[in-house]
Amino acid sequence: MTLEDIKAAVDVGQTVHWVNTGYVVHKDRLGQYLITYVPNGSCIGLTDRGGHRLNGKETEFFVAQPKDAAENPGSQ
C-alpha cells in the first residue's frame, strides 16, 4: 500500500495493519498517523519527520479483512 492508500483507508474507517495484526495504523486527535503495537501500546509515526517516507515497506501494510469474509470466502 502506498502512503496515500494507507491514509485513505484509515480515514474511511478501515483497519490497516503493518507486518502483522499486532500493529495497527491510526490517526490521532492531532491528525498524525501512527503505528501502534497493540499488546503494549508503544507507537511510532507512520512516516519520517518530513512526512514523506514510510516507516516500513509498502508491501508490509495491509487492510484487515472482515471476519465473515475470512470464514466464508466467496460470500461477498
PDB file of N, CA and C in Angstrom:
ATOM      1  N   MET A   1       0.855  -1.180   0.000  1.00  0.00           N
ATOM      2  CA  MET A   1       0.000   0.000   0.000  1.00  0.00           C
ATOM      3  C   MET A   1       0.898   1.239   0.000  1.00  0.00           C
ATOM      4  N   THR A   2       0.507   2.227  -0.768  1.00  0.00           N
ATOM      5  CA  THR A   2       1.250   3.483  -0.754  1.00  0.00           C
ATOM      6  C   THR A   2       0.835   4.300   0.465  1.00  0.00           C
ATOM      7  N   LEU A   3       1.589   5.344   0.748  1.00  0.00           N
ATOM      8  CA  LEU A   3       1.260   6.230   1.859  1.00  0.00           C
ATOM      9  C   LEU A   3      -0.148   6.790   1.682  1.00  0.00           C
ATOM     10  N   GLU A   4      -0.483   7.192   0.470  1.00  0.00           N
ATOM     11  CA  GLU A   4      -1.811   7.746   0.195  1.00  0.00           C
ATOM     12  C   GLU A   4      -2.905   6.706   0.404  1.00  0.00           C
ATOM     13  N   ASP A   5      -2.644   5.458  -0.021  1.00  0.00           N
ATOM     14  CA  ASP A   5      -3.609   4.366   0.177  1.00  0.00           C
ATOM     15  C   ASP A   5      -3.862   4.122   1.659  1.00  0.00           C
ATOM     16  N   ILE A   6      -2.793   4.125   2.444  1.00  0.00           N
ATOM     17  CA  ILE A   6      -2.909   3.866   3.878  1.00  0.00           C
ATOM     18  C   ILE A   6      -3.738   4.956   4.544  1.00  0.00           C
ATOM     19  N   LYS A   7      -3.408   6.205   4.258  1.00  0.00           N
ATOM     20  CA  LYS A   7      -4.149   7.325   4.858  1.00  0.00           C
ATOM     21  C   LYS A   7      -5.619   7.290   4.459  1.00  0.00           C
ATOM     22  N   ALA A   8      -5.888   7.018   3.191  1.00  0.00           N
ATOM     23  CA  ALA A   8      -7.274   6.971   2.712  1.00  0.00           C
ATOM     24  C   ALA A   8      -8.049   5.864   3.418  1.00  0.00           C
ATOM     25  N   ALA A   9      -7.433   4.704   3.562  1.00  0.00           N
ATOM     26  CA  ALA A   9      -8.107   3.586   4.227  1.00  0.00           C
ATOM     27  C   ALA A   9      -8.401   3.917   5.682  1.00  0.00           C
ATOM     28  N   VAL A  10      -7.439   4.490   6.388  1.00  0.00           N
ATOM     29  CA  VAL A  10      -7.640   4.867   7.792  1.00  0.00           C
ATOM     30  C   VAL A  10      -8.747   5.914   7.891  1.00  0.00           C
ATOM     31  N   ASP A  11      -8.720   6.882   6.990  1.00  0.00           N
ATOM     32  CA  ASP A  11      -9.712   7.965   7.024  1.00  0.00           C
ATOM     33  C   ASP A  11     -11.143   7.487   6.822  1.00  0.00           C
ATOM     34  N   VAL A  12     -11.341   6.381   6.109  1.00  0.00           N
ATOM     35  CA  VAL A  12     -12.702   5.867   5.905  1.00  0.00           C
ATOM     36  C   VAL A  12     -13.062   4.785   6.916  1.00  0.00           C
ATOM     37  N   GLY A  13     -12.178   4.567   7.892  1.00  0.00           N
ATOM     38  CA  GLY A  13     -12.507   3.643   8.977  1.00  0.00           C
ATOM     39  C   GLY A  13     -12.046   2.212   8.800  1.00  0.00           C
ATOM     40  N   GLN A  14     -11.257   1.935   7.773  1.00  0.00           N
ATOM     41  CA  GLN A  14     -10.734   0.584   7.616  1.00  0.00           C
ATOM     42  C   GLN A  14      -9.577   0.377   8.589  1.00  0.00           C
ATOM     43  N   THR A  15      -9.375  -0.858   9.014  1.00  0.00           N
ATOM     44  CA  THR A  15      -8.272  -1.185   9.901  1.00  0.00           C
ATOM     45  C   THR A  15      -7.074  -1.578   9.060  1.00  0.00           C
ATOM     46  N   VAL A  16      -6.004  -0.788   9.191  1.00  0.00           N
ATOM     47  CA  VAL A  16      -4.778  -1.042   8.447  1.00  0.00           C
ATOM     48  C   VAL A  16      -3.733  -1.578   9.416  1.00  0.00           C
ATOM     49  N   HIS A  17      -3.071  -2.647   9.013  1.00  0.00           N
ATOM     50  CA  HIS A  17      -2.025  -3.258   9.832  1.00  0.00           C
ATOM     51  C   HIS A  17      -0.677  -3.109   9.147  1.00  0.00           C
ATOM     52  N   TRP A  18       0.378  -3.192   9.947  1.00  0.00           N
ATOM     53  CA  TRP A  18       1.742  -3.195   9.428  1.00  0.00           C
ATOM     54  C   TRP A  18       2.399  -4.497   9.865  1.00  0.00           C
ATOM     55  N   VAL A  19       2.927  -5.249   8.974  1.00  0.00           N
ATOM     56  CA  VAL A  19       3.640  -6.511   9.180  1.00  0.00           C
ATOM     57  C   VAL A  19       2.721  -7.630   9.680  1.00  0.00           C
ATOM     58  N   ASN A  20       2.003  -7.411  10.784  1.00  0.00           N
ATOM     59  CA  ASN A  20       1.070  -8.422  11.300  1.00  0.00           C
ATOM     60  C   ASN A  20      -0.052  -7.701  12.037  1.00  0.00           C
ATOM     61  N   THR A  21      -1.030  -8.437  12.498  1.00  0.00           N
ATOM     62  CA  THR A  21      -2.209  -7.808  13.112  1.00  0.00           C
ATOM     63  C   THR A  21      -1.932  -7.191  14.479  1.00  0.00           C
ATOM     64  N   GLY A  22      -0.737  -7.386  15.020  1.00  0.00           N
ATOM     65  CA  GLY A  22      -0.371  -6.744  16.281  1.00  0.00           C
ATOM     66  C   GLY A  22      -0.108  -5.255  16.130  1.00  0.00           C
ATOM     67  N   TYR A  23       0.163  -4.809  14.899  1.00  0.00           N
ATOM     68  CA  TYR A  23       0.430  -3.394  14.625  1.00  0.00           C
ATOM     69  C   TYR A  23      -0.750  -2.793  13.881  1.00  0.00           C
ATOM     70  N   VAL A  24      -1.262  -1.674  14.391  1.00  0.00           N
ATOM     71  CA  VAL A  24      -2.417  -1.014  13.781  1.00  0.00           C
ATOM     72  C   VAL A  24      -2.057   0.435  13.467  1.00  0.00           C
ATOM     73  N   VAL A  25      -2.426   0.881  12.282  1.00  0.00           N
ATOM     74  CA  VAL A  25      -2.226   2.281  11.885  1.00  0.00           C
ATOM     75  C   VAL A  25      -3.488   3.045  12.261  1.00  0.00           C
ATOM     76  N   HIS A  26      -3.305   4.194  12.887  1.00  0.00           N
ATOM     77  CA  HIS A  26      -4.459   5.020  13.243  1.00  0.00           C
ATOM     78  C   HIS A  26      -4.091   6.493  13.163  1.00  0.00           C
ATOM     79  N   LYS A  27      -5.095   7.329  13.234  1.00  0.00           N
ATOM     80  CA  LYS A  27      -4.920   8.779  13.192  1.00  0.00           C
ATOM     81  C   LYS A  27      -5.305   9.324  14.556  1.00  0.00           C
ATOM     82  N   ASP A  28      -4.407  10.101  15.161  1.00  0.00           N
ATOM     83  CA  ASP A  28      -4.706  10.633  16.493  1.00  0.00           C
ATOM     84  C   ASP A  28      -5.510  11.930  16.389  1.00  0.00           C
ATOM     85  N   ARG A  29      -5.853  12.492  17.532  1.00  0.00           N
ATOM     86  CA  ARG A  29      -6.701  13.688  17.535  1.00  0.00           C
ATOM     87  C   ARG A  29      -5.999  14.921  16.978  1.00  0.00           C
ATOM     88  N   LEU A  30      -4.662  14.858  16.822  1.00  0.00           N
ATOM     89  CA  LEU A  30      -3.911  15.956  16.224  1.00  0.00           C
ATOM     90  C   LEU A  30      -3.756  15.795  14.719  1.00  0.00           C
ATOM     91  N   GLY A  31      -4.292  14.694  14.182  1.00  0.00           N
ATOM     92  CA  GLY A  31      -4.215  14.444  12.759  1.00  0.00           C
ATOM     93  C   GLY A  31      -2.961  13.709  12.321  1.00  0.00           C
ATOM     94  N   GLN A  32      -2.196  13.190  13.284  1.00  0.00           N
ATOM     95  CA  GLN A  32      -0.982  12.445  12.985  1.00  0.00           C
ATOM     96  C   GLN A  32      -1.321  10.974  12.749  1.00  0.00           C
ATOM     97  N   TYR A  33      -0.687  10.375  11.759  1.00  0.00           N
ATOM     98  CA  TYR A  33      -0.868   8.951  11.500  1.00  0.00           C
ATOM     99  C   TYR A  33       0.223   8.199  12.245  1.00  0.00           C
ATOM    100  N   LEU A  34      -0.185   7.227  13.047  1.00  0.00           N
ATOM    101  CA  LEU A  34       0.738   6.488  13.897  1.00  0.00           C
ATOM    102  C   LEU A  34       0.574   4.987  13.692  1.00  0.00           C
ATOM    103  N   ILE A  35       1.643   4.250  14.003  1.00  0.00           N
ATOM    104  CA  ILE A  35       1.597   2.795  14.029  1.00  0.00           C
ATOM    105  C   ILE A  35       1.731   2.397  15.492  1.00  0.00           C
ATOM    106  N   THR A  36       0.731   1.694  16.011  1.00  0.00           N
ATOM    107  CA  THR A  36       0.749   1.272  17.415  1.00  0.00           C
ATOM    108  C   THR A  36       0.869  -0.241  17.505  1.00  0.00           C
ATOM    109  N   TYR A  37       1.761  -0.679  18.390  1.00  0.00           N
ATOM    110  CA  TYR A  37       1.862  -2.104  18.702  1.00  0.00           C
ATOM    111  C   TYR A  37       0.855  -2.351  19.814  1.00  0.00           C
ATOM    112  N   VAL A  38      -0.240  -2.995  19.477  1.00  0.00           N
ATOM    113  CA  VAL A  38      -1.391  -3.127  20.370  1.00  0.00           C
ATOM    114  C   VAL A  38      -1.062  -3.786  21.717  1.00  0.00           C
ATOM    115  N   PRO A  39      -0.277  -4.879  21.766  1.00  0.00           N
ATOM    116  CA  PRO A  39      -0.049  -5.532  23.064  1.00  0.00           C
ATOM    117  C   PRO A  39       0.550  -4.633  24.153  1.00  0.00           C
ATOM    118  N   ASN A  40       1.405  -3.675  23.769  1.00  0.00           N
ATOM    119  CA  ASN A  40       1.990  -2.834  24.821  1.00  0.00           C
ATOM    120  C   ASN A  40       1.732  -1.347  24.636  1.00  0.00           C
ATOM    121  N   GLY A  41       1.065  -0.953  23.548  1.00  0.00           N
ATOM    122  CA  GLY A  41       0.682   0.438  23.341  1.00  0.00           C
ATOM    123  C   GLY A  41       1.780   1.352  22.820  1.00  0.00           C
ATOM    124  N   SER A  42       2.959   0.835  22.550  1.00  0.00           N
ATOM    125  CA  SER A  42       4.012   1.706  22.032  1.00  0.00           C
ATOM    126  C   SER A  42       3.703   2.065  20.583  1.00  0.00           C
ATOM    127  N   CYS A  43       4.138   3.258  20.176  1.00  0.00           N
ATOM    128  CA  CYS A  43       3.843   3.665  18.808  1.00  0.00           C
ATOM    129  C   CYS A  43       4.969   4.488  18.206  1.00  0.00           C
ATOM    130  N   ILE A  44       4.954   4.520  16.878  1.00  0.00           N
ATOM    131  CA  ILE A  44       5.867   5.353  16.096  1.00  0.00           C
ATOM    132  C   ILE A  44       5.038   6.038  15.028  1.00  0.00           C
ATOM    133  N   GLY A  45       5.604   7.056  14.413  1.00  0.00           N
ATOM    134  CA  GLY A  45       4.926   7.725  13.319  1.00  0.00           C
ATOM    135  C   GLY A  45       4.835   6.824  12.106  1.00  0.00           C
ATOM    136  N   LEU A  46       3.829   7.025  11.305  1.00  0.00           N
ATOM    137  CA  LEU A  46       3.686   6.268  10.067  1.00  0.00           C
ATOM    138  C   LEU A  46       4.822   6.599   9.100  1.00  0.00           C
ATOM    139  N   THR A  47       5.301   7.837   9.163  1.00  0.00           N
ATOM    140  CA  THR A  47       6.350   8.288   8.247  1.00  0.00           C
ATOM    141  C   THR A  47       7.514   8.906   9.022  1.00  0.00           C
ATOM    142  N   ASP A  48       8.549   9.269   8.269  1.00  0.00           N
ATOM    143  CA  ASP A  48       9.650  10.033   8.853  1.00  0.00           C
ATOM    144  C   ASP A  48       9.129  11.414   9.247  1.00  0.00           C
ATOM    145  N   ARG A  49       9.958  12.201   9.874  1.00  0.00           N
ATOM    146  CA  ARG A  49       9.504  13.527  10.343  1.00  0.00           C
ATOM    147  C   ARG A  49       9.054  14.447   9.222  1.00  0.00           C
ATOM    148  N   GLY A  50       9.625  14.256   8.041  1.00  0.00           N
ATOM    149  CA  GLY A  50       9.221  15.073   6.898  1.00  0.00           C
ATOM    150  C   GLY A  50       7.868  14.685   6.337  1.00  0.00           C
ATOM    151  N   GLY A  51       7.387  13.507   6.739  1.00  0.00           N
ATOM    152  CA  GLY A  51       6.075  13.048   6.294  1.00  0.00           C
ATOM    153  C   GLY A  51       6.050  12.435   4.916  1.00  0.00           C
ATOM    154  N   HIS A  52       7.224  12.065   4.384  1.00  0.00           N
ATOM    155  CA  HIS A  52       7.274  11.567   3.017  1.00  0.00           C
ATOM    156  C   HIS A  52       7.663  10.099   2.893  1.00  0.00           C
ATOM    157  N   ARG A  53       8.447   9.582   3.823  1.00  0.00           N
ATOM    158  CA  ARG A  53       8.932   8.206   3.716  1.00  0.00           C
ATOM    159  C   ARG A  53       8.292   7.345   4.794  1.00  0.00           C
ATOM    160  N   LEU A  54       7.696   6.229   4.385  1.00  0.00           N
ATOM    161  CA  LEU A  54       7.049   5.314   5.326  1.00  0.00           C
ATOM    162  C   LEU A  54       8.062   4.702   6.279  1.00  0.00           C
ATOM    163  N   ASN A  55       7.658   4.476   7.513  1.00  0.00           N
ATOM    164  CA  ASN A  55       8.444   3.694   8.467  1.00  0.00           C
ATOM    165  C   ASN A  55       8.070   2.232   8.267  1.00  0.00           C
ATOM    166  N   GLY A  56       8.468   1.684   7.174  1.00  0.00           N
ATOM    167  CA  GLY A  56       8.158   0.321   6.768  1.00  0.00           C
ATOM    168  C   GLY A  56       8.062   0.278   5.261  1.00  0.00           C
ATOM    169  N   LYS A  57       7.969  -0.907   4.718  1.00  0.00           N
ATOM    170  CA  LYS A  57       7.857  -1.087   3.273  1.00  0.00           C
ATOM    171  C   LYS A  57       6.386  -1.076   2.868  1.00  0.00           C
ATOM    172  N   GLU A  58       6.107  -0.546   1.693  1.00  0.00           N
ATOM    173  CA  GLU A  58       4.727  -0.513   1.197  1.00  0.00           C
ATOM    174  C   GLU A  58       4.087  -1.887   1.210  1.00  0.00           C
ATOM    175  N   THR A  59       4.868  -2.909   0.919  1.00  0.00           N
ATOM    176  CA  THR A  59       4.337  -4.272   0.849  1.00  0.00           C
ATOM    177  C   THR A  59       3.995  -4.854   2.215  1.00  0.00           C
ATOM    178  N   GLU A  60       4.422  -4.198   3.296  1.00  0.00           N
ATOM    179  CA  GLU A  60       4.169  -4.701   4.646  1.00  0.00           C
ATOM    180  C   GLU A  60       2.849  -4.213   5.234  1.00  0.00           C
ATOM    181  N   PHE A  61       2.177  -3.284   4.571  1.00  0.00           N
ATOM    182  CA  PHE A  61       0.913  -2.738   5.070  1.00  0.00           C
ATOM    183  C   PHE A  61      -0.252  -3.427   4.374  1.00  0.00           C
ATOM    184  N   PHE A  62      -1.304  -3.705   5.142  1.00  0.00           N
ATOM    185  CA  PHE A  62      -2.480  -4.366   4.568  1.00  0.00           C
ATOM    186  C   PHE A  62      -3.719  -3.985   5.352  1.00  0.00           C
ATOM    187  N   VAL A  63      -4.866  -4.077   4.679  1.00  0.00           N
ATOM    188  CA  VAL A  63      -6.168  -3.787   5.297  1.00  0.00           C
ATOM    189  C   VAL A  63      -6.708  -5.082   5.868  1.00  0.00           C
ATOM    190  N   ALA A  64      -7.203  -5.010   7.095  1.00  0.00           N
ATOM    191  CA  ALA A  64      -7.799  -6.187   7.743  1.00  0.00           C
ATOM    192  C   ALA A  64      -9.030  -6.620   6.970  1.00  0.00           C
ATOM    193  N   GLN A  65      -9.187  -7.910   6.855  1.00  0.00           N
ATOM    194  CA  GLN A  65     -10.361  -8.460   6.196  1.00  0.00           C
ATOM    195  C   GLN A  65     -11.437  -8.710   7.247  1.00  0.00           C
ATOM    196  N   PRO A  66     -12.696  -8.449   6.916  1.00  0.00           N
ATOM    197  CA  PRO A  66     -13.771  -8.732   7.860  1.00  0.00           C
ATOM    198  C   PRO A  66     -13.780 -10.214   8.232  1.00  0.00           C
ATOM    199  N   LYS A  67     -14.157 -10.504   9.462  1.00  0.00           N
ATOM    200  CA  LYS A  67     -14.209 -11.893   9.923  1.00  0.00           C
ATOM    201  C   LYS A  67     -15.081 -12.760   9.038  1.00  0.00           C
ATOM    202  N   ASP A  68     -16.229 -12.238   8.636  1.00  0.00           N
ATOM    203  CA  ASP A  68     -17.148 -13.017   7.822  1.00  0.00           C
ATOM    204  C   ASP A  68     -16.513 -13.428   6.498  1.00  0.00           C
ATOM    205  N   ALA A  69     -15.735 -12.542   5.894  1.00  0.00           N
ATOM    206  CA  ALA A  69     -15.098 -12.856   4.616  1.00  0.00           C
ATOM    207  C   ALA A  69     -14.054 -13.956   4.806  1.00  0.00           C
ATOM    208  N   ALA A  70     -13.351 -13.927   5.926  1.00  0.00           N
ATOM    209  CA  ALA A  70     -12.335 -14.935   6.175  1.00  0.00           C
ATOM    210  C   ALA A  70     -12.971 -16.296   6.471  1.00  0.00           C
ATOM    211  N   GLU A  71     -14.115 -16.282   7.144  1.00  0.00           N
ATOM    212  CA  GLU A  71     -14.771 -17.528   7.496  1.00  0.00           C
ATOM    213  C   GLU A  71     -15.597 -18.094   6.354  1.00  0.00           C
ATOM    214  N   ASN A  72     -16.116 -17.209   5.496  1.00  0.00           N
ATOM    215  CA  ASN A  72     -16.968 -17.645   4.400  1.00  0.00           C
ATOM    216  C   ASN A  72     -16.466 -17.061   3.085  1.00  0.00           C
ATOM    217  N   PRO A  73     -15.337 -17.520   2.595  1.00  0.00           N
ATOM    218  CA  PRO A  73     -14.829 -16.957   1.339  1.00  0.00           C
ATOM    219  C   PRO A  73     -15.832 -17.135   0.218  1.00  0.00           C
ATOM    220  N   GLY A  74     -15.947 -16.102  -0.597  1.00  0.00           N
ATOM    221  CA  GLY A  74     -16.871 -16.156  -1.720  1.00  0.00           C
ATOM    222  C   GLY A  74     -18.283 -15.724  -1.370  1.00  0.00           C
ATOM    223  N   SER A  75     -18.533 -15.340  -0.121  1.00  0.00           N
ATOM    224  CA  SER A  75     -19.896 -14.965   0.287  1.00  0.00           C
ATOM    225  C   SER A  75     -20.209 -13.499  -0.001  1.00  0.00           C
ATOM    226  N   GLN A  76     -19.235 -12.780  -0.514  1.00  0.00           N
ATOM    227  CA  GLN A  76     -19.486 -11.347  -0.755  1.00  0.00           C
ATOM    228  C   GLN A  76     -20.028 -11.105  -2.125  1.00  0.00           C
TER     229      GLN A  76
END
